[in-house]
Amino acid sequence: ETSLGASVKYLQSRIGSYSASTMAADFGARHQLKGKPLALGFSMLNVCRGMRFIEQTDPLPLTMAIGASYRLSGALQLAMDVRREIADKRTALGIGTEYAVFPAFSLRMGYGSGLAQAASRGALGALGGLGGGFGLKMGPCRADYTFTPFGELGNVQRISLGARF
């Protein structure tokens, strides 16, 4: 079974009295191998024209990712992905796990090498790549929350809402 997805996002940034905004899109595909606990995925993130401040346009980090997930049991799943920031020529590895406490509620934990590098100057050192969160599913709808410490830059918290149709 193959699933396709896309999202559109509105991004805004402020530096002093200046601000900029843009729209961007993410695209992805996921293929569940028939009769196997293995799924493969591909995505292209931050597809847009860039963020324009005054007279200068700065591109968002166009990122290509491939990954795989493997279900160990009905409730426990492991995942891994490799992300490549195309313009910056940087590659990062992510690993994670999800445990379905109930069919509608899952706990998640992971580690991203790219986040660890960015946060390594902070008090957390290499542990800055750790993150955690949870997900809720209600019929075709879902809500996800993640928390990642980001060293001297503070913490990153993400909330996302989605629906399958």
Protein backbone atom coordinates (compact mmCIF):
# COMPACT_ATOMS: atom_id res chain seq x y z
CA GLU A 1 0.00 0.00 0.00
CA THR A 2 1.37 3.41 -0.97
CA SER A 3 0.30 6.68 0.64
CA LEU A 4 1.01 10.18 -0.68
CA GLY A 5 0.88 13.38 1.34
CA ALA A 6 1.44 17.09 1.17
CA SER A 7 1.27 20.02 3.53
CA VAL A 8 1.31 23.77 3.13
CA LYS A 9 2.75 25.99 5.83
CA TYR A 10 2.92 29.70 6.54
CA LEU A 11 6.23 30.87 8.01
CA GLN A 12 6.97 34.22 9.59
CA SER A 13 10.19 35.66 11.01
CA ARG A 14 11.06 38.90 12.78
CA ILE A 15 14.46 40.50 13.23
CA GLY A 16 14.20 43.75 15.15
CA SER A 17 11.60 45.91 13.41
CA TYR A 18 11.80 43.92 10.16
CA SER A 19 9.62 40.96 9.31
CA ALA A 20 9.24 38.49 6.49
CA SER A 21 6.82 35.73 5.65
CA THR A 22 6.40 33.03 3.04
CA MET A 23 4.40 29.97 2.15
CA ALA A 24 6.14 26.61 1.76
CA ALA A 25 5.13 23.06 0.93
CA ASP A 26 6.23 19.59 2.01
CA PHE A 27 5.62 16.47 -0.10
CA GLY A 28 5.99 12.83 0.85
CA ALA A 29 5.31 9.22 0.01
CA ARG A 30 5.18 6.09 2.17
CA HIS A 31 5.05 2.48 1.05
CA GLN A 32 4.05 -0.34 3.40
CA LEU A 33 5.55 -3.62 2.19
CA LYS A 34 2.77 -6.18 1.76
CA GLY A 35 2.73 -8.76 4.54
CA LYS A 36 5.85 -7.29 6.18
CA PRO A 37 6.31 -5.07 9.27
CA LEU A 38 8.49 -2.71 7.19
CA ALA A 39 7.54 0.65 5.65
CA LEU A 40 9.72 2.94 3.48
CA GLY A 41 9.32 6.68 3.01
CA PHE A 42 10.57 9.66 1.02
CA SER A 43 9.93 13.39 1.48
CA MET A 44 10.91 16.77 0.10
CA LEU A 45 10.61 19.59 2.65
CA ASN A 46 10.54 23.40 2.46
CA VAL A 47 9.73 23.78 -1.22
CA CYS A 48 9.30 27.54 -1.75
CA ARG A 49 10.79 30.77 -3.12
CA GLY A 50 12.46 31.76 0.17
CA MET A 51 12.01 34.36 2.91
CA ARG A 52 12.40 37.99 1.81
CA PHE A 53 13.78 40.59 4.25
CA ILE A 54 13.90 44.11 2.80
CA GLU A 55 15.80 43.56 -0.48
CA GLN A 56 17.32 40.14 0.23
CA THR A 57 15.67 36.74 -0.27
CA ASP A 58 17.04 33.88 1.80
CA PRO A 59 16.13 30.31 0.86
CA LEU A 60 14.64 27.89 3.36
CA PRO A 61 16.65 24.70 3.87
CA LEU A 62 15.36 22.53 1.02
CA THR A 63 15.61 19.05 2.52
CA MET A 64 15.27 15.58 1.03
CA ALA A 65 14.71 12.65 3.40
CA ILE A 66 14.45 8.90 3.12
CA GLY A 67 13.52 6.60 5.95
CA ALA A 68 12.21 3.29 7.14
CA SER A 69 10.13 2.01 10.04
CA TYR A 70 9.91 -1.50 11.43
CA ARG A 71 7.15 -2.71 13.75
CA LEU A 72 8.68 -5.04 16.35
CA SER A 73 5.34 -5.91 17.92
CA GLY A 74 1.82 -4.57 17.76
CA ALA A 75 2.70 -1.66 20.07
CA LEU A 76 6.40 -0.96 19.45
CA GLN A 77 7.85 0.58 16.29
CA LEU A 78 11.41 1.65 15.44
CA ALA A 79 12.26 4.24 12.79
CA MET A 80 15.32 5.74 11.11
CA ASP A 81 15.78 8.47 8.54
CA VAL A 82 18.56 10.24 6.66
CA ARG A 83 18.05 13.91 5.78
CA ARG A 84 20.07 15.91 3.30
CA GLU A 85 19.95 19.72 3.27
CA ILE A 86 20.61 20.25 -0.40
CA ALA A 87 22.02 23.82 -0.49
CA ASP A 88 24.11 23.48 2.69
CA LYS A 89 25.31 19.98 1.75
CA ARG A 90 24.65 18.71 5.29
CA THR A 91 23.43 15.24 6.16
CA ALA A 92 21.76 14.22 9.43
CA LEU A 93 20.62 10.90 10.82
CA GLY A 94 17.56 10.41 12.99
CA ILE A 95 16.44 7.37 14.98
CA GLY A 96 13.32 7.00 17.04
CA THR A 97 10.75 4.77 18.61
CA GLU A 98 7.01 4.88 19.16
CA TYR A 99 5.11 2.90 21.74
CA ALA A 100 1.31 2.72 21.45
CA VAL A 101 0.11 2.83 25.05
CA PHE A 102 -3.46 2.62 23.74
CA PRO A 103 -4.63 2.45 20.11
CA ALA A 104 -5.41 6.18 20.29
CA PHE A 105 -2.35 7.34 22.30
CA SER A 106 1.37 6.86 21.52
CA LEU A 107 4.55 7.96 23.26
CA ARG A 108 7.60 8.84 21.14
CA MET A 109 11.30 9.40 21.72
CA GLY A 110 14.12 10.02 19.29
CA TYR A 111 17.55 11.40 18.58
CA GLY A 112 18.60 13.61 15.66
CA SER A 113 22.28 14.07 14.87
CA GLY A 114 21.62 17.41 13.14
CA LEU A 115 19.91 18.78 16.26
CA ALA A 116 22.77 17.51 18.42
CA GLN A 117 25.31 19.41 16.29
CA ALA A 118 23.25 22.62 16.45
CA ALA A 119 22.75 22.38 20.22
CA SER A 120 26.20 21.02 21.15
CA ARG A 121 27.47 24.38 22.36
CA GLY A 122 24.77 24.50 25.04
CA ALA A 123 24.72 22.89 28.47
CA LEU A 124 23.25 19.65 27.10
CA GLY A 125 26.13 18.84 24.75
CA ALA A 126 25.41 15.90 22.46
CA LEU A 127 22.21 15.15 24.42
CA GLY A 128 20.72 18.20 22.69
CA GLY A 129 19.58 15.90 19.88
CA LEU A 130 17.14 14.04 22.15
CA GLY A 131 13.44 14.73 21.80
CA GLY A 132 10.15 13.30 22.94
CA GLY A 133 6.46 13.66 22.48
CA PHE A 134 3.12 12.00 22.03
CA GLY A 135 0.42 11.49 19.45
CA LEU A 136 -3.37 11.24 19.65
CA LYS A 137 -5.57 9.57 17.02
CA MET A 138 -9.33 10.05 16.78
CA GLY A 139 -10.81 8.41 13.68
CA PRO A 140 -9.19 10.00 10.62
CA CYS A 141 -7.81 12.90 12.71
CA ARG A 142 -4.57 13.13 14.64
CA ALA A 143 -2.70 15.56 16.86
CA ASP A 144 1.03 15.38 17.60
CA TYR A 145 3.25 17.21 20.09
CA THR A 146 7.07 17.16 20.28
CA PHE A 147 9.56 18.79 22.62
CA THR A 148 13.27 19.14 21.81
CA PRO A 149 15.82 21.02 23.93
CA PHE A 150 17.90 23.30 21.68
CA GLY A 151 20.78 24.45 23.89
CA GLU A 152 21.33 28.19 24.18
CA LEU A 153 18.56 28.85 21.67
CA GLY A 154 15.92 27.51 24.08
CA ASN A 155 13.47 24.70 23.41
CA VAL A 156 11.56 23.73 20.29
CA GLN A 157 7.94 22.71 20.73
CA ARG A 158 5.82 21.59 17.78
CA ILE A 159 2.14 20.89 17.54
CA SER A 160 0.67 19.47 14.36
CA LEU A 161 -2.84 18.50 13.34
CA GLY A 162 -3.71 16.19 10.47
CA ALA A 163 -6.44 14.15 8.84
CA ARG A 164 -6.48 11.17 6.49
CA PHE A 165 -8.95 11.02 3.64
